[in-house]
mmCIF file of all heavy atoms, coordinates in Angstrom:
data_MODEL
# 
_entry.id   MODEL 
# 
loop_
_atom_site.group_PDB 
_atom_site.id 
_atom_site.type_symbol 
_atom_site.label_atom_id 
_atom_site.label_alt_id 
_atom_site.label_comp_id 
_atom_site.label_asym_id 
_atom_site.label_entity_id 
_atom_site.label_seq_id 
_atom_site.pdbx_PDB_ins_code 
_atom_site.Cartn_x 
_atom_site.Cartn_y 
_atom_site.Cartn_z 
_atom_site.occupancy 
_atom_site.B_iso_or_equiv 
_atom_site.pdbx_formal_charge 
_atom_site.auth_seq_id 
_atom_site.auth_comp_id 
_atom_site.auth_asym_id 
_atom_site.auth_atom_id 
_atom_site.pdbx_PDB_model_num 
ATOM 1   N N   . GLY A 1 1  ? 19.551 -35.556 74.014 1.00 0.00 ? 1  GLY A N   1 
ATOM 2   C CA  . GLY A 1 1  ? 18.497 -35.623 72.999 1.00 0.00 ? 1  GLY A CA  1 
ATOM 3   C C   . GLY A 1 1  ? 17.615 -34.387 72.954 1.00 0.00 ? 1  GLY A C   1 
ATOM 4   O O   . GLY A 1 1  ? 17.547 -33.592 73.895 1.00 0.00 ? 1  GLY A O   1 
ATOM 5   N N   . ALA A 1 2  ? 16.960 -34.237 71.839 1.00 0.00 ? 2  ALA A N   1 
ATOM 6   C CA  . ALA A 1 2  ? 15.910 -33.236 71.621 1.00 0.00 ? 2  ALA A CA  1 
ATOM 7   C C   . ALA A 1 2  ? 14.987 -33.818 70.560 1.00 0.00 ? 2  ALA A C   1 
ATOM 8   O O   . ALA A 1 2  ? 15.201 -34.942 70.100 1.00 0.00 ? 2  ALA A O   1 
ATOM 9   C CB  . ALA A 1 2  ? 16.508 -31.892 71.182 1.00 0.00 ? 2  ALA A CB  1 
ATOM 10  N N   . GLN A 1 3  ? 13.989 -33.076 70.169 1.00 0.00 ? 3  GLN A N   1 
ATOM 11  C CA  . GLN A 1 3  ? 12.935 -33.633 69.325 1.00 0.00 ? 3  GLN A CA  1 
ATOM 12  C C   . GLN A 1 3  ? 13.469 -34.201 68.001 1.00 0.00 ? 3  GLN A C   1 
ATOM 13  O O   . GLN A 1 3  ? 14.304 -33.579 67.321 1.00 0.00 ? 3  GLN A O   1 
ATOM 14  C CB  . GLN A 1 3  ? 11.878 -32.584 69.030 1.00 0.00 ? 3  GLN A CB  1 
ATOM 15  C CG  . GLN A 1 3  ? 10.668 -33.144 68.279 1.00 0.00 ? 3  GLN A CG  1 
ATOM 16  C CD  . GLN A 1 3  ? 9.626  -32.095 67.995 1.00 0.00 ? 3  GLN A CD  1 
ATOM 17  O OE1 . GLN A 1 3  ? 9.922  -30.920 67.852 1.00 0.00 ? 3  GLN A OE1 1 
ATOM 18  N NE2 . GLN A 1 3  ? 8.375  -32.507 67.887 1.00 0.00 ? 3  GLN A NE2 1 
ATOM 19  N N   . VAL A 1 4  ? 12.970 -35.386 67.654 1.00 0.00 ? 4  VAL A N   1 
ATOM 20  C CA  . VAL A 1 4  ? 13.217 -35.951 66.326 1.00 0.00 ? 4  VAL A CA  1 
ATOM 21  C C   . VAL A 1 4  ? 11.884 -36.029 65.586 1.00 0.00 ? 4  VAL A C   1 
ATOM 22  O O   . VAL A 1 4  ? 10.824 -36.206 66.187 1.00 0.00 ? 4  VAL A O   1 
ATOM 23  C CB  . VAL A 1 4  ? 13.859 -37.358 66.397 1.00 0.00 ? 4  VAL A CB  1 
ATOM 24  C CG1 . VAL A 1 4  ? 15.277 -37.275 66.927 1.00 0.00 ? 4  VAL A CG1 1 
ATOM 25  C CG2 . VAL A 1 4  ? 13.027 -38.309 67.233 1.00 0.00 ? 4  VAL A CG2 1 
ATOM 26  N N   . LYS A 1 5  ? 11.963 -35.899 64.259 1.00 0.00 ? 5  LYS A N   1 
ATOM 27  C CA  . LYS A 1 5  ? 10.784 -35.958 63.415 1.00 0.00 ? 5  LYS A CA  1 
ATOM 28  C C   . LYS A 1 5  ? 10.957 -37.118 62.417 1.00 0.00 ? 5  LYS A C   1 
ATOM 29  O O   . LYS A 1 5  ? 12.031 -37.718 62.350 1.00 0.00 ? 5  LYS A O   1 
ATOM 30  C CB  . LYS A 1 5  ? 10.580 -34.632 62.676 1.00 0.00 ? 5  LYS A CB  1 
ATOM 31  C CG  . LYS A 1 5  ? 10.480 -33.438 63.630 1.00 0.00 ? 5  LYS A CG  1 
ATOM 32  C CD  . LYS A 1 5  ? 10.353 -32.122 62.876 1.00 0.00 ? 5  LYS A CD  1 
ATOM 33  C CE  . LYS A 1 5  ? 10.285 -30.943 63.839 1.00 0.00 ? 5  LYS A CE  1 
ATOM 34  N NZ  . LYS A 1 5  ? 10.185 -29.639 63.134 1.00 0.00 ? 5  LYS A NZ  1 
ATOM 35  N N   . GLN A 1 6  ? 9.929  -37.400 61.664 1.00 0.00 ? 6  GLN A N   1 
ATOM 36  C CA  . GLN A 1 6  ? 9.996  -38.511 60.729 1.00 0.00 ? 6  GLN A CA  1 
ATOM 37  C C   . GLN A 1 6  ? 11.138 -38.327 59.734 1.00 0.00 ? 6  GLN A C   1 
ATOM 38  O O   . GLN A 1 6  ? 11.774 -39.298 59.309 1.00 0.00 ? 6  GLN A O   1 
ATOM 39  C CB  . GLN A 1 6  ? 8.662  -38.642 59.980 1.00 0.00 ? 6  GLN A CB  1 
ATOM 40  C CG  . GLN A 1 6  ? 8.553  -39.912 59.147 1.00 0.00 ? 6  GLN A CG  1 
ATOM 41  C CD  . GLN A 1 6  ? 8.584  -41.180 59.991 1.00 0.00 ? 6  GLN A CD  1 
ATOM 42  O OE1 . GLN A 1 6  ? 7.846  -41.314 60.951 1.00 0.00 ? 6  GLN A OE1 1 
ATOM 43  N NE2 . GLN A 1 6  ? 9.473  -42.113 59.635 1.00 0.00 ? 6  GLN A NE2 1 
ATOM 44  N N   . ASP A 1 7  ? 11.411 -37.064 59.363 1.00 0.00 ? 7  ASP A N   1 
ATOM 45  C CA  . ASP A 1 7  ? 12.452 -36.809 58.380 1.00 0.00 ? 7  ASP A CA  1 
ATOM 46  C C   . ASP A 1 7  ? 13.810 -36.516 59.010 1.00 0.00 ? 7  ASP A C   1 
ATOM 47  O O   . ASP A 1 7  ? 14.738 -36.098 58.315 1.00 0.00 ? 7  ASP A O   1 
ATOM 48  C CB  . ASP A 1 7  ? 12.047 -35.676 57.446 1.00 0.00 ? 7  ASP A CB  1 
ATOM 49  C CG  . ASP A 1 7  ? 11.776 -34.369 58.191 1.00 0.00 ? 7  ASP A CG  1 
ATOM 50  O OD1 . ASP A 1 7  ? 11.756 -34.390 59.441 1.00 0.00 ? 7  ASP A OD1 1 
ATOM 51  O OD2 . ASP A 1 7  ? 11.578 -33.335 57.531 1.00 0.00 ? 7  ASP A OD2 1 
ATOM 52  N N   . GLY A 1 8  ? 13.941 -36.695 60.334 1.00 0.00 ? 8  GLY A N   1 
ATOM 53  C CA  . GLY A 1 8  ? 15.240 -36.518 60.960 1.00 0.00 ? 8  GLY A CA  1 
ATOM 54  C C   . GLY A 1 8  ? 15.200 -35.608 62.169 1.00 0.00 ? 8  GLY A C   1 
ATOM 55  O O   . GLY A 1 8  ? 14.130 -35.236 62.664 1.00 0.00 ? 8  GLY A O   1 
ATOM 56  N N   . PRO A 1 9  ? 16.379 -35.247 62.682 1.00 0.00 ? 9  PRO A N   1 
ATOM 57  C CA  . PRO A 1 9  ? 16.456 -34.408 63.881 1.00 0.00 ? 9  PRO A CA  1 
ATOM 58  C C   . PRO A 1 9  ? 15.884 -33.022 63.662 1.00 0.00 ? 9  PRO A C   1 
ATOM 59  O O   . PRO A 1 9  ? 15.936 -32.467 62.551 1.00 0.00 ? 9  PRO A O   1 
ATOM 60  C CB  . PRO A 1 9  ? 17.972 -34.325 64.154 1.00 0.00 ? 9  PRO A CB  1 
ATOM 61  C CG  . PRO A 1 9  ? 18.566 -35.459 63.391 1.00 0.00 ? 9  PRO A CG  1 
ATOM 62  C CD  . PRO A 1 9  ? 17.702 -35.661 62.197 1.00 0.00 ? 9  PRO A CD  1 
ATOM 63  N N   . SER A 1 10 ? 15.323 -32.454 64.733 1.00 0.00 ? 10 SER A N   1 
ATOM 64  C CA  . SER A 1 10 ? 14.878 -31.062 64.702 1.00 0.00 ? 10 SER A CA  1 
ATOM 65  C C   . SER A 1 10 ? 16.079 -30.132 64.553 1.00 0.00 ? 10 SER A C   1 
ATOM 66  O O   . SER A 1 10 ? 17.237 -30.551 64.683 1.00 0.00 ? 10 SER A O   1 
ATOM 67  C CB  . SER A 1 10 ? 14.126 -30.727 65.987 1.00 0.00 ? 10 SER A CB  1 
ATOM 68  O OG  . SER A 1 10 ? 14.991 -30.885 67.112 1.00 0.00 ? 10 SER A OG  1 
ATOM 69  N N   . VAL A 1 11 ? 15.817 -28.856 64.295 1.00 0.00 ? 11 VAL A N   1 
ATOM 70  C CA  . VAL A 1 11 ? 16.899 -27.876 64.148 1.00 0.00 ? 11 VAL A CA  1 
ATOM 71  C C   . VAL A 1 11 ? 17.748 -27.824 65.420 1.00 0.00 ? 11 VAL A C   1 
ATOM 72  O O   . VAL A 1 11 ? 18.978 -27.815 65.351 1.00 0.00 ? 11 VAL A O   1 
ATOM 73  C CB  . VAL A 1 11 ? 16.319 -26.483 63.833 1.00 0.00 ? 11 VAL A CB  1 
ATOM 74  C CG1 . VAL A 1 11 ? 17.418 -25.430 63.862 1.00 0.00 ? 11 VAL A CG1 1 
ATOM 75  C CG2 . VAL A 1 11 ? 15.614 -26.493 62.485 1.00 0.00 ? 11 VAL A CG2 1 
ATOM 76  N N   . VAL A 1 12 ? 17.085 -27.798 66.573 1.00 0.00 ? 12 VAL A N   1 
ATOM 77  C CA  . VAL A 1 12 ? 17.805 -27.756 67.839 1.00 0.00 ? 12 VAL A CA  1 
ATOM 78  C C   . VAL A 1 12 ? 18.740 -28.955 67.976 1.00 0.00 ? 12 VAL A C   1 
ATOM 79  O O   . VAL A 1 12 ? 19.919 -28.815 68.364 1.00 0.00 ? 12 VAL A O   1 
ATOM 80  C CB  . VAL A 1 12 ? 16.812 -27.707 69.025 1.00 0.00 ? 12 VAL A CB  1 
ATOM 81  C CG1 . VAL A 1 12 ? 17.528 -27.966 70.348 1.00 0.00 ? 12 VAL A CG1 1 
ATOM 82  C CG2 . VAL A 1 12 ? 16.102 -26.367 69.073 1.00 0.00 ? 12 VAL A CG2 1 
ATOM 83  N N   . LEU A 1 13 ? 18.252 -30.130 67.642 1.00 0.00 ? 13 LEU A N   1 
ATOM 84  C CA  . LEU A 1 13 ? 19.064 -31.338 67.780 1.00 0.00 ? 13 LEU A CA  1 
ATOM 85  C C   . LEU A 1 13 ? 20.191 -31.382 66.750 1.00 0.00 ? 13 LEU A C   1 
ATOM 86  O O   . LEU A 1 13 ? 21.280 -31.895 67.048 1.00 0.00 ? 13 LEU A O   1 
ATOM 87  C CB  . LEU A 1 13 ? 18.173 -32.572 67.661 1.00 0.00 ? 13 LEU A CB  1 
ATOM 88  C CG  . LEU A 1 13 ? 18.840 -33.931 67.911 1.00 0.00 ? 13 LEU A CG  1 
ATOM 89  C CD1 . LEU A 1 13 ? 19.581 -33.948 69.232 1.00 0.00 ? 13 LEU A CD1 1 
ATOM 90  C CD2 . LEU A 1 13 ? 17.809 -35.046 67.867 1.00 0.00 ? 13 LEU A CD2 1 
ATOM 91  N N   . ARG A 1 14 ? 19.955 -30.872 65.565 1.00 0.00 ? 14 ARG A N   1 
ATOM 92  C CA  . ARG A 1 14 ? 21.020 -30.868 64.552 1.00 0.00 ? 14 ARG A CA  1 
ATOM 93  C C   . ARG A 1 14 ? 22.211 -30.038 65.008 1.00 0.00 ? 14 ARG A C   1 
ATOM 94  O O   . ARG A 1 14 ? 23.364 -30.395 64.724 1.00 0.00 ? 14 ARG A O   1 
ATOM 95  C CB  . ARG A 1 14 ? 20.489 -30.368 63.205 1.00 0.00 ? 14 ARG A CB  1 
ATOM 96  C CG  . ARG A 1 14 ? 19.660 -31.395 62.470 1.00 0.00 ? 14 ARG A CG  1 
ATOM 97  C CD  . ARG A 1 14 ? 19.616 -31.097 60.964 1.00 0.00 ? 14 ARG A CD  1 
ATOM 98  N NE  . ARG A 1 14 ? 19.113 -29.772 60.670 1.00 0.00 ? 14 ARG A NE  1 
ATOM 99  C CZ  . ARG A 1 14 ? 17.828 -29.479 60.503 1.00 0.00 ? 14 ARG A CZ  1 
ATOM 100 N NH1 . ARG A 1 14 ? 16.915 -30.428 60.634 1.00 0.00 ? 14 ARG A NH1 1 
ATOM 101 N NH2 . ARG A 1 14 ? 17.450 -28.250 60.223 1.00 0.00 ? 14 ARG A NH2 1 
ATOM 102 N N   . TYR A 1 15 ? 21.955 -28.935 65.693 1.00 0.00 ? 15 TYR A N   1 
ATOM 103 C CA  . TYR A 1 15 ? 23.072 -28.151 66.223 1.00 0.00 ? 15 TYR A CA  1 
ATOM 104 C C   . TYR A 1 15 ? 23.940 -29.018 67.145 1.00 0.00 ? 15 TYR A C   1 
ATOM 105 O O   . TYR A 1 15 ? 25.172 -28.969 67.110 1.00 0.00 ? 15 TYR A O   1 
ATOM 106 C CB  . TYR A 1 15 ? 22.561 -26.952 67.003 1.00 0.00 ? 15 TYR A CB  1 
ATOM 107 C CG  . TYR A 1 15 ? 22.189 -25.745 66.155 1.00 0.00 ? 15 TYR A CG  1 
ATOM 108 C CD1 . TYR A 1 15 ? 20.876 -25.263 66.138 1.00 0.00 ? 15 TYR A CD1 1 
ATOM 109 C CD2 . TYR A 1 15 ? 23.150 -25.066 65.425 1.00 0.00 ? 15 TYR A CD2 1 
ATOM 110 C CE1 . TYR A 1 15 ? 20.539 -24.144 65.381 1.00 0.00 ? 15 TYR A CE1 1 
ATOM 111 C CE2 . TYR A 1 15 ? 22.815 -23.948 64.672 1.00 0.00 ? 15 TYR A CE2 1 
ATOM 112 C CZ  . TYR A 1 15 ? 21.506 -23.492 64.645 1.00 0.00 ? 15 TYR A CZ  1 
ATOM 113 O OH  . TYR A 1 15 ? 21.185 -22.394 63.893 1.00 0.00 ? 15 TYR A OH  1 
ATOM 114 N N   . ARG A 1 16 ? 23.303 -29.810 67.990 1.00 0.00 ? 16 ARG A N   1 
ATOM 115 C CA  . ARG A 1 16 ? 24.037 -30.673 68.915 1.00 0.00 ? 16 ARG A CA  1 
ATOM 116 C C   . ARG A 1 16 ? 24.811 -31.756 68.157 1.00 0.00 ? 16 ARG A C   1 
ATOM 117 O O   . ARG A 1 16 ? 25.985 -32.015 68.434 1.00 0.00 ? 16 ARG A O   1 
ATOM 118 C CB  . ARG A 1 16 ? 23.070 -31.317 69.917 1.00 0.00 ? 16 ARG A CB  1 
ATOM 119 C CG  . ARG A 1 16 ? 22.271 -30.317 70.716 1.00 0.00 ? 16 ARG A CG  1 
ATOM 120 C CD  . ARG A 1 16 ? 21.304 -31.005 71.701 1.00 0.00 ? 16 ARG A CD  1 
ATOM 121 N NE  . ARG A 1 16 ? 20.463 -30.008 72.366 1.00 0.00 ? 16 ARG A NE  1 
ATOM 122 C CZ  . ARG A 1 16 ? 19.638 -30.277 73.371 1.00 0.00 ? 16 ARG A CZ  1 
ATOM 123 N NH1 . ARG A 1 16 ? 19.530 -31.515 73.816 1.00 0.00 ? 16 ARG A NH1 1 
ATOM 124 N NH2 . ARG A 1 16 ? 18.925 -29.303 73.928 1.00 0.00 ? 16 ARG A NH2 1 
ATOM 125 N N   . LEU A 1 17 ? 24.128 -32.388 67.216 1.00 0.00 ? 17 LEU A N   1 
ATOM 126 C CA  . LEU A 1 17 ? 24.755 -33.475 66.482 1.00 0.00 ? 17 LEU A CA  1 
ATOM 127 C C   . LEU A 1 17 ? 25.901 -32.986 65.599 1.00 0.00 ? 17 LEU A C   1 
ATOM 128 O O   . LEU A 1 17 ? 26.922 -33.680 65.449 1.00 0.00 ? 17 LEU A O   1 
ATOM 129 C CB  . LEU A 1 17 ? 23.700 -34.188 65.625 1.00 0.00 ? 17 LEU A CB  1 
ATOM 130 C CG  . LEU A 1 17 ? 22.663 -34.990 66.414 1.00 0.00 ? 17 LEU A CG  1 
ATOM 131 C CD1 . LEU A 1 17 ? 21.517 -35.415 65.513 1.00 0.00 ? 17 LEU A CD1 1 
ATOM 132 C CD2 . LEU A 1 17 ? 23.306 -36.203 67.071 1.00 0.00 ? 17 LEU A CD2 1 
ATOM 133 N N   . ASP A 1 18 ? 25.766 -31.809 65.026 1.00 0.00 ? 18 ASP A N   1 
ATOM 134 C CA  . ASP A 1 18 ? 26.851 -31.268 64.209 1.00 0.00 ? 18 ASP A CA  1 
ATOM 135 C C   . ASP A 1 18 ? 28.082 -30.954 65.065 1.00 0.00 ? 18 ASP A C   1 
ATOM 136 O O   . ASP A 1 18 ? 29.223 -31.167 64.630 1.00 0.00 ? 18 ASP A O   1 
ATOM 137 C CB  . ASP A 1 18 ? 26.387 -30.022 63.462 1.00 0.00 ? 18 ASP A CB  1 
ATOM 138 C CG  . ASP A 1 18 ? 25.388 -30.340 62.352 1.00 0.00 ? 18 ASP A CG  1 
ATOM 139 O OD1 . ASP A 1 18 ? 25.301 -31.533 61.952 1.00 0.00 ? 18 ASP A OD1 1 
ATOM 140 O OD2 . ASP A 1 18 ? 24.684 -29.416 61.886 1.00 0.00 ? 18 ASP A OD2 1 
ATOM 141 N N   . ALA A 1 19 ? 27.851 -30.454 66.290 1.00 0.00 ? 19 ALA A N   1 
ATOM 142 C CA  . ALA A 1 19 ? 28.972 -30.215 67.192 1.00 0.00 ? 19 ALA A CA  1 
ATOM 143 C C   . ALA A 1 19 ? 29.651 -31.538 67.572 1.00 0.00 ? 19 ALA A C   1 
ATOM 144 O O   . ALA A 1 19 ? 30.880 -31.630 67.635 1.00 0.00 ? 19 ALA A O   1 
ATOM 145 C CB  . ALA A 1 19 ? 28.506 -29.479 68.448 1.00 0.00 ? 19 ALA A CB  1 
ATOM 146 N N   . ALA A 1 20 ? 28.840 -32.568 67.832 1.00 0.00 ? 20 ALA A N   1 
ATOM 147 C CA  . ALA A 1 20 ? 29.388 -33.888 68.150 1.00 0.00 ? 20 ALA A CA  1 
ATOM 148 C C   . ALA A 1 20 ? 30.161 -34.444 66.962 1.00 0.00 ? 20 ALA A C   1 
ATOM 149 O O   . ALA A 1 20 ? 31.271 -34.993 67.120 1.00 0.00 ? 20 ALA A O   1 
ATOM 150 C CB  . ALA A 1 20 ? 28.259 -34.841 68.550 1.00 0.00 ? 20 ALA A CB  1 
ATOM 151 N N   . TYR A 1 21 ? 29.606 -34.316 65.769 1.00 0.00 ? 21 TYR A N   1 
ATOM 152 C CA  . TYR A 1 21 ? 30.269 -34.814 64.563 1.00 0.00 ? 21 TYR A CA  1 
ATOM 153 C C   . TYR A 1 21 ? 31.649 -34.168 64.396 1.00 0.00 ? 21 TYR A C   1 
ATOM 154 O O   . TYR A 1 21 ? 32.654 -34.859 64.158 1.00 0.00 ? 21 TYR A O   1 
ATOM 155 C CB  . TYR A 1 21 ? 29.400 -34.534 63.343 1.00 0.00 ? 21 TYR A CB  1 
ATOM 156 C CG  . TYR A 1 21 ? 30.101 -34.803 62.031 1.00 0.00 ? 21 TYR A CG  1 
ATOM 157 C CD1 . TYR A 1 21 ? 30.196 -36.103 61.527 1.00 0.00 ? 21 TYR A CD1 1 
ATOM 158 C CD2 . TYR A 1 21 ? 30.686 -33.773 61.299 1.00 0.00 ? 21 TYR A CD2 1 
ATOM 159 C CE1 . TYR A 1 21 ? 30.859 -36.358 60.334 1.00 0.00 ? 21 TYR A CE1 1 
ATOM 160 C CE2 . TYR A 1 21 ? 31.348 -34.007 60.116 1.00 0.00 ? 21 TYR A CE2 1 
ATOM 161 C CZ  . TYR A 1 21 ? 31.438 -35.295 59.634 1.00 0.00 ? 21 TYR A CZ  1 
ATOM 162 O OH  . TYR A 1 21 ? 32.108 -35.552 58.452 1.00 0.00 ? 21 TYR A OH  1 
ATOM 163 N N   . ASP A 1 22 ? 31.697 -32.857 64.501 1.00 0.00 ? 22 ASP A N   1 
ATOM 164 C CA  . ASP A 1 22 ? 32.970 -32.152 64.340 1.00 0.00 ? 22 ASP A CA  1 
ATOM 165 C C   . ASP A 1 22 ? 34.002 -32.653 65.348 1.00 0.00 ? 22 ASP A C   1 
ATOM 166 O O   . ASP A 1 22 ? 35.176 -32.870 65.000 1.00 0.00 ? 22 ASP A O   1 
ATOM 167 C CB  . ASP A 1 22 ? 32.775 -30.641 64.503 1.00 0.00 ? 22 ASP A CB  1 
ATOM 168 C CG  . ASP A 1 22 ? 31.991 -30.020 63.356 1.00 0.00 ? 22 ASP A CG  1 
ATOM 169 O OD1 . ASP A 1 22 ? 31.915 -30.653 62.285 1.00 0.00 ? 22 ASP A OD1 1 
ATOM 170 O OD2 . ASP A 1 22 ? 31.449 -28.908 63.539 1.00 0.00 ? 22 ASP A OD2 1 
ATOM 171 N N   . TYR A 1 23 ? 33.563 -32.841 66.603 1.00 0.00 ? 23 TYR A N   1 
ATOM 172 C CA  . TYR A 1 23 ? 34.510 -33.290 67.634 1.00 0.00 ? 23 TYR A CA  1 
ATOM 173 C C   . TYR A 1 23 ? 34.960 -34.725 67.351 1.00 0.00 ? 23 TYR A C   1 
ATOM 174 O O   . TYR A 1 23 ? 36.153 -35.043 67.486 1.00 0.00 ? 23 TYR A O   1 
ATOM 175 C CB  . TYR A 1 23 ? 33.869 -33.204 69.019 1.00 0.00 ? 23 TYR A CB  1 
ATOM 176 C CG  . TYR A 1 23 ? 34.874 -33.437 70.128 1.00 0.00 ? 23 TYR A CG  1 
ATOM 177 C CD1 . TYR A 1 23 ? 35.534 -32.376 70.718 1.00 0.00 ? 23 TYR A CD1 1 
ATOM 178 C CD2 . TYR A 1 23 ? 35.180 -34.734 70.541 1.00 0.00 ? 23 TYR A CD2 1 
ATOM 179 C CE1 . TYR A 1 23 ? 36.480 -32.577 71.713 1.00 0.00 ? 23 TYR A CE1 1 
ATOM 180 C CE2 . TYR A 1 23 ? 36.141 -34.956 71.527 1.00 0.00 ? 23 TYR A CE2 1 
ATOM 181 C CZ  . TYR A 1 23 ? 36.781 -33.876 72.103 1.00 0.00 ? 23 TYR A CZ  1 
ATOM 182 O OH  . TYR A 1 23 ? 37.738 -34.087 73.077 1.00 0.00 ? 23 TYR A OH  1 
ATOM 183 N N   . LEU A 1 24 ? 34.043 -35.598 66.964 1.00 0.00 ? 24 LEU A N   1 
ATOM 184 C CA  . LEU A 1 24 ? 34.391 -36.996 66.721 1.00 0.00 ? 24 LEU A CA  1 
ATOM 185 C C   . LEU A 1 24 ? 35.328 -37.148 65.537 1.00 0.00 ? 24 LEU A C   1 
ATOM 186 O O   . LEU A 1 24 ? 36.221 -38.012 65.542 1.00 0.00 ? 24 LEU A O   1 
ATOM 187 C CB  . LEU A 1 24 ? 33.109 -37.813 66.480 1.00 0.00 ? 24 LEU A CB  1 
ATOM 188 C CG  . LEU A 1 24 ? 32.184 -37.969 67.705 1.00 0.00 ? 24 LEU A CG  1 
ATOM 189 C CD1 . LEU A 1 24 ? 30.843 -38.554 67.279 1.00 0.00 ? 24 LEU A CD1 1 
ATOM 190 C CD2 . LEU A 1 24 ? 32.838 -38.836 68.774 1.00 0.00 ? 24 LEU A CD2 1 
ATOM 191 N N   . VAL A 1 25 ? 35.171 -36.319 64.516 1.00 0.00 ? 25 VAL A N   1 
ATOM 192 C CA  . VAL A 1 25 ? 36.081 -36.362 63.366 1.00 0.00 ? 25 VAL A CA  1 
ATOM 193 C C   . VAL A 1 25 ? 37.490 -35.948 63.789 1.00 0.00 ? 25 VAL A C   1 
ATOM 194 O O   . VAL A 1 25 ? 38.483 -36.563 63.375 1.00 0.00 ? 25 VAL A O   1 
ATOM 195 C CB  . VAL A 1 25 ? 35.556 -35.447 62.241 1.00 0.00 ? 25 VAL A CB  1 
ATOM 196 C CG1 . VAL A 1 25 ? 36.615 -35.245 61.167 1.00 0.00 ? 25 VAL A CG1 1 
ATOM 197 C CG2 . VAL A 1 25 ? 34.300 -36.043 61.628 1.00 0.00 ? 25 VAL A CG2 1 
ATOM 198 N N   . GLU A 1 26 ? 37.575 -34.931 64.637 1.00 0.00 ? 26 GLU A N   1 
ATOM 199 C CA  . GLU A 1 26 ? 38.879 -34.426 65.057 1.00 0.00 ? 26 GLU A CA  1 
ATOM 200 C C   . GLU A 1 26 ? 39.527 -35.296 66.137 1.00 0.00 ? 26 GLU A C   1 
ATOM 201 O O   . GLU A 1 26 ? 40.737 -35.225 66.353 1.00 0.00 ? 26 GLU A O   1 
ATOM 202 C CB  . GLU A 1 26 ? 38.733 -32.986 65.574 1.00 0.00 ? 26 GLU A CB  1 
ATOM 203 C CG  . GLU A 1 26 ? 38.316 -31.986 64.506 1.00 0.00 ? 26 GLU A CG  1 
ATOM 204 C CD  . GLU A 1 26 ? 38.019 -30.613 65.083 1.00 0.00 ? 26 GLU A CD  1 
ATOM 205 O OE1 . GLU A 1 26 ? 38.208 -30.431 66.304 1.00 0.00 ? 26 GLU A OE1 1 
ATOM 206 O OE2 . GLU A 1 26 ? 37.604 -29.731 64.313 1.00 0.00 ? 26 GLU A OE2 1 
ATOM 207 N N   . ASN A 1 27 ? 38.722 -36.128 66.810 1.00 0.00 ? 27 ASN A N   1 
ATOM 208 C CA  . ASN A 1 27 ? 39.224 -36.941 67.914 1.00 0.00 ? 27 ASN A CA  1 
ATOM 209 C C   . ASN A 1 27 ? 38.736 -38.387 67.714 1.00 0.00 ? 27 ASN A C   1 
ATOM 210 O O   . ASN A 1 27 ? 37.745 -38.811 68.323 1.00 0.00 ? 27 ASN A O   1 
ATOM 211 C CB  . ASN A 1 27 ? 38.730 -36.387 69.253 1.00 0.00 ? 27 ASN A CB  1 
ATOM 212 C CG  . ASN A 1 27 ? 39.197 -34.963 69.490 1.00 0.00 ? 27 ASN A CG  1 
ATOM 213 O OD1 . ASN A 1 27 ? 40.280 -34.721 69.995 1.00 0.00 ? 27 ASN A OD1 1 
ATOM 214 N ND2 . ASN A 1 27 ? 38.373 -33.993 69.093 1.00 0.00 ? 27 ASN A ND2 1 
ATOM 215 N N   . PRO A 1 28 ? 39.435 -39.149 66.885 1.00 0.00 ? 28 PRO A N   1 
ATOM 216 C CA  . PRO A 1 28 ? 38.934 -40.466 66.454 1.00 0.00 ? 28 PRO A CA  1 
ATOM 217 C C   . PRO A 1 28 ? 38.888 -41.538 67.536 1.00 0.00 ? 28 PRO A C   1 
ATOM 218 O O   . PRO A 1 28 ? 38.280 -42.590 67.327 1.00 0.00 ? 28 PRO A O   1 
ATOM 219 C CB  . PRO A 1 28 ? 39.918 -40.860 65.342 1.00 0.00 ? 28 PRO A CB  1 
ATOM 220 C CG  . PRO A 1 28 ? 41.146 -40.045 65.594 1.00 0.00 ? 28 PRO A CG  1 
ATOM 221 C CD  . PRO A 1 28 ? 40.666 -38.757 66.177 1.00 0.00 ? 28 PRO A CD  1 
ATOM 222 N N   . ASP A 1 29 ? 39.491 -41.288 68.690 1.00 0.00 ? 29 ASP A N   1 
ATOM 223 C CA  . ASP A 1 29 ? 39.445 -42.278 69.775 1.00 0.00 ? 29 ASP A CA  1 
ATOM 224 C C   . ASP A 1 29 ? 38.290 -42.044 70.748 1.00 0.00 ? 29 ASP A C   1 
ATOM 225 O O   . ASP A 1 29 ? 38.071 -42.852 71.656 1.00 0.00 ? 29 ASP A O   1 
ATOM 226 C CB  . ASP A 1 29 ? 40.767 -42.275 70.564 1.00 0.00 ? 29 ASP A CB  1 
ATOM 227 C CG  . ASP A 1 29 ? 41.931 -42.776 69.716 1.00 0.00 ? 29 ASP A CG  1 
ATOM 228 O OD1 . ASP A 1 29 ? 41.700 -43.647 68.845 1.00 0.00 ? 29 ASP A OD1 1 
ATOM 229 O OD2 . ASP A 1 29 ? 43.056 -42.294 69.911 1.00 0.00 ? 29 ASP A OD2 1 
ATOM 230 N N   . THR A 1 30 ? 37.587 -40.967 70.583 1.00 0.00 ? 30 THR A N   1 
ATOM 231 C CA  . THR A 1 30 ? 36.465 -40.639 71.470 1.00 0.00 ? 30 THR A CA  1 
ATOM 232 C C   . THR A 1 30 ? 35.224 -41.448 71.099 1.00 0.00 ? 30 THR A C   1 
ATOM 233 O O   . THR A 1 30 ? 34.860 -41.532 69.926 1.00 0.00 ? 30 THR A O   1 
ATOM 234 C CB  . THR A 1 30 ? 36.143 -39.140 71.406 1.00 0.00 ? 30 THR A CB  1 
ATOM 235 O OG1 . THR A 1 30 ? 37.300 -38.385 71.796 1.00 0.00 ? 30 THR A OG1 1 
ATOM 236 C CG2 . THR A 1 30 ? 34.981 -38.788 72.325 1.00 0.00 ? 30 THR A CG2 1 
# 
């Protein structure tokens, strides 16, 4: 985790979540 705001994840956290999203799309059993 990293900071979240009322309108969503901070820039730092979005980088993490986007990396997770890309991996989860490519690896559907994870």
